[in-house]
Protein backbone atom coordinates (compact mmCIF):
# COMPACT_ATOMS: atom_id res chain seq x y z
CA MET A 1 -12.95 25.95 9.44
CA THR A 2 -10.42 27.98 7.44
CA THR A 3 -6.66 27.86 7.84
CA LEU A 4 -4.09 30.13 6.23
CA LEU A 5 -0.56 28.81 5.71
CA HIS A 6 1.48 32.00 5.50
CA ASN A 7 4.76 32.31 3.61
CA ALA A 8 4.74 28.67 2.47
CA LEU A 9 7.35 27.20 0.13
CA TYR A 10 5.26 24.57 -1.59
CA LEU A 11 5.56 21.88 -4.27
CA LEU A 12 3.83 22.55 -7.59
CA PRO A 13 1.89 19.79 -9.36
CA ASP A 14 4.72 19.03 -11.82
CA CYS A 15 6.76 17.92 -8.76
CA GLY A 16 9.91 19.59 -10.05
CA ALA A 17 9.19 23.23 -9.24
CA TRP A 18 8.42 25.08 -6.02
CA GLU A 19 6.72 28.37 -5.28
CA ARG A 20 6.49 30.65 -2.29
CA GLY A 21 3.16 32.11 -1.26
CA ASP A 22 0.14 31.62 0.98
CA ILE A 23 -2.21 28.64 0.95
CA LEU A 24 -5.81 28.94 2.14
CA LEU A 25 -7.65 25.83 3.35
CA SER A 26 -11.43 25.95 3.53
CA ASP A 27 -14.08 23.23 3.89
CA GLY A 28 -11.54 20.47 3.38
CA ARG A 29 -10.15 21.87 0.13
CA ILE A 30 -7.44 24.25 -1.03
CA ALA A 31 -9.29 27.51 -1.68
CA ALA A 32 -6.27 29.53 -2.82
CA ALA A 33 -2.58 28.93 -3.45
CA GLY A 34 0.10 31.48 -4.17
CA ALA A 35 -1.87 34.71 -3.96
CA VAL A 36 -4.62 34.84 -1.35
CA PRO A 37 -7.13 37.69 -1.76
CA GLU A 38 -6.17 40.70 0.35
CA GLY A 39 -8.17 40.97 3.54
CA THR A 40 -8.85 37.21 3.73
CA GLU A 41 -9.53 36.20 7.30
CA ALA A 42 -8.96 32.67 8.61
CA ASP A 43 -9.85 30.86 11.81
CA GLU A 44 -6.17 29.95 12.16
CA THR A 45 -3.00 31.32 10.60
CA VAL A 46 0.09 29.08 10.54
CA ASP A 47 3.49 30.63 9.95
CA ALA A 48 5.10 28.27 7.41
CA SER A 49 8.49 30.02 7.41
CA GLY A 50 11.28 27.47 7.66
CA LYS A 51 8.96 24.74 6.37
CA LEU A 52 8.32 22.99 3.10
CA VAL A 53 4.69 22.30 2.27
CA ILE A 54 4.02 19.17 0.22
CA PRO A 55 0.94 17.11 -0.56
CA GLY A 56 0.63 14.22 1.85
CA PHE A 57 2.28 11.10 0.49
CA ILE A 58 -0.03 8.41 -0.91
CA ASN A 59 0.70 4.84 0.14
CA ALA A 60 -1.06 2.79 -2.52
CA HIS A 61 -0.60 -0.55 -0.74
CA ALA A 62 -0.26 -1.36 2.96
CA HIS A 63 -1.58 -3.93 5.43
CA SER A 64 -2.96 -2.62 8.73
CA TYR A 65 -2.99 -6.11 10.24
CA THR A 66 0.83 -6.00 10.42
CA GLY A 67 0.71 -3.35 13.14
CA TYR A 68 1.39 -6.11 15.68
CA LEU A 69 4.04 -7.86 13.57
CA LYS A 70 6.85 -5.31 13.41
CA GLY A 71 10.32 -6.81 13.49
CA SER A 72 9.01 -10.32 12.87
CA VAL A 73 10.57 -10.94 9.44
CA ASP A 74 14.28 -11.07 8.74
CA CYS A 75 15.69 -13.45 6.11
CA GLU A 76 12.60 -15.14 4.69
CA PRO A 77 11.36 -15.18 1.08
CA LEU A 78 7.68 -14.66 0.38
CA ASP A 79 6.61 -18.32 0.46
CA ILE A 80 8.09 -18.87 3.94
CA TYR A 81 7.00 -15.43 5.11
CA MET A 82 3.40 -16.29 4.24
CA LEU A 83 3.36 -19.15 6.74
CA HIS A 84 4.21 -16.78 9.58
CA ALA A 85 2.05 -13.90 8.34
CA ILE A 86 -1.02 -16.16 8.30
CA ALA A 87 -0.13 -17.59 11.71
CA GLY A 88 0.27 -14.16 13.29
CA GLY A 89 -2.51 -12.34 11.47
CA SER A 90 -5.51 -14.52 12.31
CA PHE A 91 -8.28 -14.61 14.93
CA ARG A 92 -8.56 -10.99 16.05
CA SER A 93 -11.41 -9.21 17.76
CA PRO A 94 -12.78 -5.90 16.44
CA ARG A 95 -10.92 -4.03 19.20
CA GLU A 96 -7.66 -5.74 18.26
CA ILE A 97 -8.24 -4.83 14.60
CA TYR A 98 -8.97 -1.23 15.59
CA VAL A 99 -5.76 -0.84 17.60
CA SER A 100 -3.57 -2.49 14.95
CA THR A 101 -5.02 -0.18 12.31
CA MET A 102 -4.44 2.83 14.56
CA ILE A 103 -0.80 1.89 15.12
CA GLU A 104 -0.07 1.38 11.43
CA ALA A 105 -1.97 4.52 10.39
CA LEU A 106 -0.35 6.73 13.03
CA GLU A 107 3.09 5.58 11.91
CA MET A 108 2.17 6.54 8.34
CA LEU A 109 0.89 9.96 9.38
CA LYS A 110 4.09 10.64 11.28
CA GLY A 111 6.02 9.90 8.10
CA GLY A 112 3.90 12.29 6.05
CA THR A 113 1.43 9.84 4.50
CA THR A 114 -2.14 11.13 4.46
CA ALA A 115 -3.88 8.56 2.22
CA VAL A 116 -3.55 4.79 1.98
CA VAL A 117 -4.96 1.70 0.35
CA ASP A 118 -5.23 -0.69 3.27
CA HIS A 119 -5.25 -4.22 1.83
CA PHE A 120 -7.29 -5.39 4.78
CA SER A 121 -6.93 -8.95 6.03
CA GLU A 122 -9.25 -10.61 8.52
CA ARG A 123 -8.85 -14.34 9.01
CA PRO A 124 -10.52 -16.78 9.08
CA GLY A 125 -13.40 -14.75 7.63
CA LEU A 126 -14.28 -11.17 6.71
CA THR A 127 -16.85 -9.60 9.05
CA PRO A 128 -18.82 -6.33 9.07
CA GLU A 129 -17.55 -5.71 12.61
CA GLY A 130 -13.91 -6.09 11.57
CA LEU A 131 -14.27 -3.76 8.62
CA ARG A 132 -16.14 -1.24 10.74
CA ALA A 133 -13.34 -1.32 13.34
CA ALA A 134 -10.69 -0.56 10.71
CA ALA A 135 -12.79 2.23 9.20
CA GLU A 136 -13.33 3.82 12.60
CA ALA A 137 -9.59 3.73 13.31
CA PHE A 138 -8.80 5.73 10.17
CA GLU A 139 -11.67 8.13 10.90
CA HIS A 140 -10.57 8.68 14.50
CA LEU A 141 -7.01 9.44 13.37
CA GLY A 142 -8.32 11.66 10.58
CA MET A 143 -6.57 9.72 7.79
CA ARG A 144 -7.87 9.15 4.27
CA ALA A 145 -8.15 5.44 3.37
CA ASN A 146 -9.47 2.98 0.84
CA ILE A 147 -9.98 -0.31 2.67
CA ALA A 148 -9.53 -3.09 0.11
CA THR A 149 -11.04 -6.28 1.49
CA MET A 150 -8.43 -9.01 1.04
CA PHE A 151 -9.90 -12.47 0.54
CA ALA A 152 -9.04 -15.88 -0.94
CA ASP A 153 -10.92 -19.18 -1.05
CA ARG A 154 -8.04 -21.52 -1.82
CA ASP A 155 -5.59 -22.76 0.79
CA PHE A 156 -2.22 -21.06 0.51
CA LEU A 157 -0.35 -24.37 0.46
CA ASP A 158 -2.36 -25.45 -2.56
CA THR A 159 -1.18 -22.43 -4.56
CA ILE A 160 2.60 -22.89 -4.62
CA PRO A 161 4.53 -25.23 -6.96
CA LEU A 162 4.99 -28.20 -4.65
CA LEU A 163 5.58 -31.58 -6.23
CA PRO A 164 3.06 -34.37 -5.57
CA GLY A 165 3.68 -35.75 -2.10
CA GLU A 166 6.34 -33.13 -1.33
CA LEU A 167 4.33 -31.78 1.61
CA PRO A 168 3.11 -34.30 4.18
CA ALA A 169 -0.64 -34.87 4.06
CA GLU A 170 -1.05 -33.61 7.64
CA PHE A 171 -0.36 -30.07 6.46
CA ARG A 172 -2.67 -30.01 3.47
CA GLY A 173 -5.71 -27.81 4.00
CA ALA A 174 -4.49 -26.89 7.47
CA ARG A 175 -3.94 -23.18 6.97
CA GLY A 176 -4.44 -20.27 4.61
CA GLY A 177 -8.01 -20.88 3.55
CA MET A 178 -10.93 -18.69 4.56
CA ALA A 179 -14.01 -19.90 6.41
CA GLN A 180 -16.41 -18.21 3.99
CA SER A 181 -17.92 -18.85 0.61
CA PRO A 182 -17.41 -16.34 -2.23
CA GLU A 183 -21.06 -15.35 -1.88
CA GLU A 184 -20.69 -14.65 1.83
CA TYR A 185 -17.58 -12.59 1.17
CA ALA A 186 -19.32 -10.54 -1.53
CA SER A 187 -22.28 -9.91 0.76
CA VAL A 188 -20.07 -8.55 3.56
CA VAL A 189 -18.17 -6.30 1.14
CA GLU A 190 -21.34 -4.91 -0.43
CA GLN A 191 -22.88 -4.19 2.96
CA ALA A 192 -19.72 -2.45 4.17
CA TYR A 193 -19.40 -0.47 0.94
CA LEU A 194 -22.93 0.89 1.19
CA GLU A 195 -22.51 1.68 4.88
CA ALA A 196 -19.26 3.57 4.26
CA ARG A 197 -20.86 5.65 1.49
CA GLY A 198 -23.28 7.00 4.06
CA ARG A 199 -20.53 8.06 6.48
CA GLY A 200 -18.64 10.55 4.33
CA ASP A 201 -15.73 10.33 1.93
CA LEU A 202 -12.72 10.00 4.24
CA VAL A 203 -12.89 6.19 4.26
CA ARG A 204 -14.08 4.05 1.37
CA ILE A 205 -14.53 0.29 0.99
CA THR A 206 -13.15 -1.34 -2.13
CA LEU A 207 -12.44 -4.89 -3.30
CA GLY A 208 -9.15 -6.57 -2.55
CA THR A 209 -8.68 -10.24 -3.34
CA ASP A 210 -5.45 -11.67 -1.93
CA GLY A 211 -3.85 -12.99 -5.12
CA PRO A 212 -5.72 -14.38 -8.14
CA GLN A 213 -3.92 -17.72 -7.92
CA ARG A 214 -5.35 -18.10 -4.40
CA CYS A 215 -8.89 -17.57 -5.69
CA THR A 216 -11.18 -19.89 -7.56
CA ASP A 217 -12.48 -18.60 -10.88
CA LYS A 218 -15.88 -18.40 -9.22
CA LEU A 219 -14.57 -15.93 -6.65
CA LEU A 220 -12.73 -13.91 -9.30
CA GLU A 221 -15.80 -13.67 -11.49
CA LEU A 222 -18.03 -12.75 -8.55
CA THR A 223 -15.54 -10.05 -7.53
CA GLY A 224 -15.53 -8.71 -11.09
CA GLU A 225 -19.33 -8.57 -11.14
CA LEU A 226 -19.47 -6.67 -7.84
CA GLU A 227 -16.77 -4.25 -8.98
CA ARG A 228 -18.58 -3.48 -12.22
CA LYS A 229 -21.86 -2.99 -10.37
CA TYR A 230 -20.49 -0.18 -8.20
CA ARG A 231 -17.25 0.73 -10.04
CA MET A 232 -15.69 0.61 -6.60
CA GLY A 233 -12.12 -0.36 -7.48
CA TRP A 234 -10.17 -3.54 -6.91
CA GLN A 235 -6.65 -4.25 -5.66
CA THR A 236 -4.88 -7.59 -5.67
CA HIS A 237 -1.39 -8.97 -5.23
CA ALA A 238 -0.08 -10.29 -8.54
CA LEU A 239 3.13 -12.10 -9.50
CA GLU A 240 5.15 -10.91 -6.56
CA ALA A 241 7.43 -13.96 -6.62
CA LYS A 242 8.88 -16.29 -9.26
CA THR A 243 7.12 -19.23 -7.63
CA GLN A 244 3.78 -17.51 -8.33
CA ALA A 245 4.62 -17.11 -12.02
CA ILE A 246 5.57 -20.80 -12.21
CA PHE A 247 2.42 -21.91 -10.40
CA ALA A 248 0.21 -19.79 -12.67
CA ARG A 249 1.70 -21.37 -15.79
CA ASN A 250 1.22 -24.82 -14.28
CA GLN A 251 -2.35 -24.04 -13.22
CA TYR A 252 -3.73 -22.11 -16.19
CA GLY A 253 -1.37 -22.83 -19.06
CA VAL A 254 -0.93 -19.06 -19.47
CA GLY A 255 0.34 -16.24 -17.29
CA LEU A 256 -1.70 -15.10 -14.29
CA VAL A 257 -2.64 -11.74 -15.83
CA GLU A 258 -3.44 -13.47 -19.10
CA HIS A 259 -5.88 -15.67 -17.17
CA MET A 260 -7.46 -12.60 -15.58
CA HIS A 261 -7.82 -11.17 -19.08
CA GLU A 262 -9.57 -14.35 -20.24
CA LEU A 263 -12.05 -13.84 -17.39
CA GLY A 264 -12.69 -10.24 -18.48
CA LEU A 265 -11.28 -8.71 -15.29
CA LEU A 266 -8.81 -6.12 -16.57
CA ASN A 267 -9.80 -2.44 -16.43
CA ASP A 268 -8.52 0.94 -15.27
CA ARG A 269 -9.97 0.52 -11.76
CA LEU A 270 -7.82 -2.55 -11.08
CA SER A 271 -4.45 -2.20 -9.38
CA LEU A 272 -1.91 -5.05 -9.40
CA VAL A 273 0.49 -4.94 -6.46
CA HIS A 274 4.15 -5.90 -6.94
CA ALA A 275 3.87 -7.24 -10.52
CA VAL A 276 7.55 -8.20 -10.40
CA TRP A 277 7.26 -11.26 -12.66
CA LEU A 278 4.95 -9.98 -15.40
CA SER A 279 5.80 -11.20 -18.89
CA GLU A 280 6.03 -8.82 -21.83
CA ARG A 281 2.61 -10.08 -22.99
CA GLU A 282 1.11 -9.35 -19.56
CA MET A 283 2.63 -5.88 -19.45
CA ALA A 284 1.08 -5.16 -22.84
CA LEU A 285 -2.32 -6.32 -21.56
CA CYS A 286 -2.00 -4.00 -18.56
CA ALA A 287 -1.10 -1.08 -20.81
CA GLY A 288 -3.95 -1.83 -23.20
CA HIS A 289 -6.60 -2.01 -20.47
CA GLY A 290 -5.32 0.87 -18.32
CA VAL A 291 -4.47 -1.42 -15.40
CA ASN A 292 -2.53 0.26 -12.58
CA ILE A 293 0.58 -1.22 -10.98
CA VAL A 294 1.59 -0.54 -7.39
CA HIS A 295 5.34 -0.81 -6.98
CA CYS A 296 6.62 -1.81 -3.51
CA PRO A 297 10.42 -1.72 -3.84
CA GLY A 298 11.19 -2.04 -0.13
CA SER A 299 9.10 -5.16 0.35
CA ASN A 300 10.34 -6.72 -2.88
CA LEU A 301 13.91 -6.29 -1.64
CA HIS A 302 13.19 -7.39 1.93
CA LEU A 303 11.62 -10.66 0.78
CA GLY A 304 14.06 -11.20 -2.09
CA SER A 305 11.21 -11.25 -4.60
CA GLY A 306 13.09 -9.42 -7.36
CA ILE A 307 13.33 -6.09 -9.14
CA ALA A 308 10.15 -5.11 -10.96
CA PRO A 309 10.62 -3.87 -14.57
CA LEU A 310 9.70 -0.33 -13.62
CA THR A 311 11.35 1.41 -16.54
CA ARG A 312 9.49 -0.91 -18.91
CA PHE A 313 6.19 -0.07 -17.20
CA CYS A 314 6.93 3.59 -17.83
CA GLU A 315 7.88 3.00 -21.47
CA LEU A 316 4.51 1.29 -22.01
CA GLY A 317 2.60 4.13 -20.38
CA ILE A 318 1.32 2.04 -17.46
CA ASN A 319 0.22 4.08 -14.48
CA VAL A 320 2.52 3.27 -11.56
CA ALA A 321 1.88 4.12 -7.91
CA LEU A 322 4.05 3.40 -4.88
CA GLY A 323 3.30 1.33 -1.79
CA SER A 324 5.05 0.10 1.31
CA ASP A 325 3.41 -3.30 1.82
CA GLY A 326 3.18 -4.44 5.45
CA GLY A 327 5.16 -2.95 8.28
CA ASN A 328 6.64 -6.39 8.97
CA CYS A 329 8.54 -6.53 5.68
CA GLY A 330 10.30 -3.23 5.36
CA GLY A 331 8.40 -0.47 7.15
CA VAL A 332 5.67 1.92 6.02
CA ALA A 333 7.70 5.13 5.54
CA MET A 334 6.92 6.40 2.03
CA PRO A 335 10.09 8.54 1.68
CA GLU A 336 12.07 5.29 1.70
CA GLN A 337 9.88 3.85 -1.06
CA LEU A 338 10.39 6.93 -3.23
CA ARG A 339 14.14 6.76 -2.70
CA LEU A 340 14.31 3.06 -3.57
CA ALA A 341 12.08 3.48 -6.61
CA ALA A 342 14.36 6.19 -7.97
CA ARG A 343 17.65 4.38 -7.32
CA LEU A 344 17.05 0.65 -7.56
CA HIS A 345 16.13 0.52 -11.23
CA ARG A 346 19.30 2.28 -12.29
CA LEU A 347 20.90 -1.15 -11.91
CA THR A 348 18.68 -2.59 -14.65
CA THR A 349 19.86 -0.38 -17.53
CA PRO A 350 23.07 1.50 -18.31
CA ASP A 351 21.06 4.02 -20.35
CA TYR A 352 20.88 6.78 -17.78
CA GLY A 353 18.49 8.68 -20.03
CA LYS A 354 15.88 6.15 -18.83
CA TRP A 355 16.67 6.56 -15.16
CA LEU A 356 13.85 7.98 -13.07
CA THR A 357 14.32 11.46 -11.64
CA ALA A 358 13.21 12.70 -8.26
CA ALA A 359 10.27 14.45 -9.90
CA ASP A 360 9.32 11.24 -11.72
CA VAL A 361 8.92 9.23 -8.53
CA LEU A 362 7.10 12.09 -6.80
CA ARG A 363 4.60 12.06 -9.65
CA MET A 364 4.27 8.29 -9.27
CA ASP A 365 3.41 8.71 -5.63
CA TYR A 366 1.02 11.63 -6.06
CA ALA A 367 -0.65 11.40 -9.49
CA GLY A 368 -0.16 7.65 -9.79
CA GLY A 369 -1.43 7.06 -6.27
CA ALA A 370 -4.46 9.30 -6.81
CA ARG A 371 -5.48 7.16 -9.80
CA VAL A 372 -5.23 3.98 -7.74
CA LEU A 373 -7.29 5.60 -4.98
CA MET A 374 -9.77 6.83 -7.61
CA ARG A 375 -9.61 10.22 -5.88
CA ALA A 376 -8.86 12.77 -8.59
CA THR A 377 -8.55 15.71 -6.18
CA THR A 378 -5.91 14.12 -3.95
CA GLY A 379 -2.14 14.47 -4.18
CA ARG A 380 -1.46 17.99 -5.39
CA ILE A 381 -1.38 21.59 -4.21
CA SER A 382 -3.78 23.52 -6.41
CA VAL A 383 -7.12 25.25 -6.03
CA GLY A 384 -9.91 22.73 -5.52
CA ALA A 385 -7.63 19.90 -4.43
CA ASP A 386 -8.05 18.07 -1.13
CA ALA A 387 -6.36 19.94 1.71
CA ASP A 388 -4.09 16.99 2.57
CA LEU A 389 -0.82 18.74 3.33
CA VAL A 390 2.42 18.08 5.20
CA LEU A 391 4.73 20.71 6.67
CA LEU A 392 8.37 19.60 6.81
CA ASP A 393 10.82 21.41 9.07
CA ILE A 394 13.84 22.32 6.93
CA SER A 395 15.64 24.51 9.45
CA ASN A 396 18.17 21.76 10.20
CA VAL A 397 21.42 20.32 8.88
CA LEU A 398 19.69 17.72 6.69
CA TRP A 399 18.15 20.44 4.57
CA GLN A 400 20.69 23.25 4.90
CA PRO A 401 22.11 24.60 2.71
CA GLU A 402 19.32 24.19 0.17
CA GLY A 403 19.90 22.65 -3.24
CA SER A 404 17.31 21.07 -5.49
CA LEU A 405 14.39 20.72 -3.12
CA SER A 406 12.81 17.83 -5.03
CA CYS A 407 16.11 15.94 -4.93
CA GLN A 408 16.56 16.65 -1.25
CA LEU A 409 13.00 15.50 -0.56
CA VAL A 410 13.43 12.18 -2.38
CA TYR A 411 17.05 11.34 -1.60
CA GLY A 412 17.45 12.81 1.88
CA GLU A 413 14.16 13.07 3.76
CA SER A 414 13.20 10.14 6.00
CA GLY A 415 9.93 11.48 7.38
CA ALA A 416 11.62 12.47 10.63
CA ASN A 417 11.13 16.16 9.80
CA VAL A 418 7.35 15.94 9.49
CA ASN A 419 6.02 18.65 11.77
CA THR A 420 2.37 19.31 10.93
CA VAL A 421 -0.16 17.32 8.89
CA PHE A 422 -3.55 18.36 7.58
CA VAL A 423 -6.09 15.93 6.13
CA ALA A 424 -9.21 17.42 4.55
CA GLY A 425 -8.15 20.72 6.11
CA ARG A 426 -8.12 19.30 9.63
CA LYS A 427 -4.90 19.44 11.64
CA VAL A 428 -4.26 15.82 12.61
CA LEU A 429 -0.59 16.14 13.55
CA ALA A 430 1.10 19.11 15.25
CA GLY A 431 4.69 19.21 16.42
CA GLY A 432 5.00 15.62 15.17
CA ARG A 433 2.26 14.30 17.48
CA SER A 434 -1.34 13.32 16.91
CA THR A 435 -3.87 15.96 17.85
CA LEU A 436 -6.66 13.37 18.11
CA VAL A 437 -5.40 10.36 20.08
CA ASN A 438 -3.28 9.71 23.15
CA GLU A 439 -0.19 8.10 21.64
CA GLU A 440 1.17 6.67 24.90
CA GLU A 441 -2.08 4.92 25.75
CA LEU A 442 -2.38 3.57 22.21
CA CYS A 443 1.16 2.15 22.25
CA ALA A 444 0.65 0.58 25.66
CA GLU A 445 -2.54 -1.16 24.55
CA ALA A 446 -0.93 -2.32 21.31
CA ALA A 447 2.00 -3.84 23.19
CA GLU A 448 -0.34 -5.73 25.53
CA ILE A 449 -2.45 -7.04 22.66
CA ALA A 450 0.60 -8.08 20.60
CA ALA A 451 2.03 -10.06 23.51
CA ARG A 452 -1.29 -11.83 24.06
CA LEU A 453 -1.72 -12.61 20.36
CA ARG A 454 1.78 -14.08 20.17
CA ARG A 455 0.96 -16.41 23.06
CA ASP A 456 -2.34 -17.43 21.49
CA ALA A 457 -0.71 -17.99 18.10
CA ALA A 458 2.15 -20.12 19.44
CA PRO A 459 0.68 -23.43 18.14
CA ARG A 460 0.20 -21.89 14.69
CA PHE A 461 3.78 -20.63 14.64
CA GLU A 462 5.00 -24.08 15.66
CA ALA A 463 3.07 -25.62 12.77
CA ALA A 464 4.59 -23.03 10.41
CA ALA A 465 8.08 -23.95 11.63
CA ARG A 466 7.40 -27.63 10.84
CA GLN A 467 6.19 -26.77 7.35
CA ALA A 468 9.00 -24.35 6.52
CA PRO A 469 11.68 -26.97 5.60
CA TYR A 470 9.40 -28.46 2.93
CA LEU A 471 8.72 -25.04 1.44
CA ARG A 472 12.42 -24.22 1.56
CA ARG A 473 13.13 -27.26 -0.59
CA MET A 474 10.45 -26.21 -3.06
CA TYR A 475 11.66 -22.60 -3.10
CA LEU A 476 15.32 -23.39 -3.77
CA ARG A 477 14.38 -25.84 -6.53
CA GLU A 478 12.05 -23.43 -8.31
CA MET A 479 14.42 -20.49 -8.04
CA GLU A 480 16.92 -22.53 -10.07
CA ARG A 481 14.34 -23.18 -12.77
CA THR A 482 15.08 -21.58 -16.14
CA TRP A 483 12.53 -18.83 -16.71
CA PRO A 484 12.06 -16.27 -19.50
CA GLU A 485 11.86 -13.23 -17.21
CA LYS A 486 14.99 -12.15 -15.34
CA ARG A 487 14.15 -10.21 -12.19
CA LEU A 488 16.94 -11.13 -9.76
CA GLY A 489 20.24 -9.33 -9.40
CA TYR A 490 22.33 -12.48 -9.65
CA GLN A 491 20.69 -13.29 -13.01
CA MET A 492 21.81 -10.06 -14.65
């Protein structure tokens, strides 16, 4: 299948310049850009006049399980949020996993995202059937995905800085753990990885521990061994909240990333998500080992976790990608994440020479995201690159009159102007609607499932509500603790 995008105004790989010309898509790749050989025939010709053509956004961290949890989080910090996320994200059938993944993925496609790292959660235990359901959802929508298999073998309530006896004994060990051994987890991941390799390259299986502090050293070391065996990539939450940094120091005597370094786990295939509370020593370790950081500004703000030291990451040469986190804590629209990444960190330094430009954050999303995905041909418009493209309608008042297109894309676009989306050269969205699934039927089924899951989870939510006051006390105490790193606006 060949497609010719005629008269396209498209973004060049430096993300600051644009060019007008034709783009030829063939066999899932960009066969020509700018000047297409005269006489070239295509199966379909698309008139791109009045459109911008950009690479599909890369969401380097999302959670498909939150498809049923939209609008469920308002004013809750991470530690309280986790109680409700675990309560609402557990005990799902393969069909329920499939539909949740479809909902989250379709929302991303409609906002111009064509590739994602899905930090996939299945509680109380990871199953081949659950992973297969998520993979099939991405395949059926035609979206590119790395499914990173989130797992932990320590109970959540044992991994926050509670004082002895602060939490009643009835709650200890009651939630947050997984009903699998590290060996069982590794076996499921390896099986799913090998199966996915035989089904094409659209969907890959990678490793995705929850957060290192929620994992025993045995699990971390086993994960590292499996990653090195296949060089399959690994994503994990890391130091999202101040309470995690405090717990890590209490637990290991060093920072969390320092402990990972002691275990020999740092390399350029590892991506640390959030990384708000990294110390200077930990940032240097990340830079020295080529570790990637996935910045999720919307989620960090929504949960009050803090402002990551993004400009410092850049000074150290750390590769930074952008992610949304779950749809229940800020939404999955990548244009919003780009906008926040560009603007938020201007509050951390008066030296405006260090402020990130629109082109800077576009490069973070595209080139930085491609490195996290370990997909070198994704995220740019050039010959040989993946034909993952988005056509934005700019014949409207948001875009007219035209100024700096890169600035307008980052600071003005919401995703609402996404018209057509190609992934691997296949048209998966046309006129803003999926070409492959019935959206109305999907939404109706998702609403029915979400209502049923809320009823089934009611006892778990009630238990979370009883636990929340104890965690609130812990949270407020620890947030007042003197700490070397300053990541909160009221500390500046």
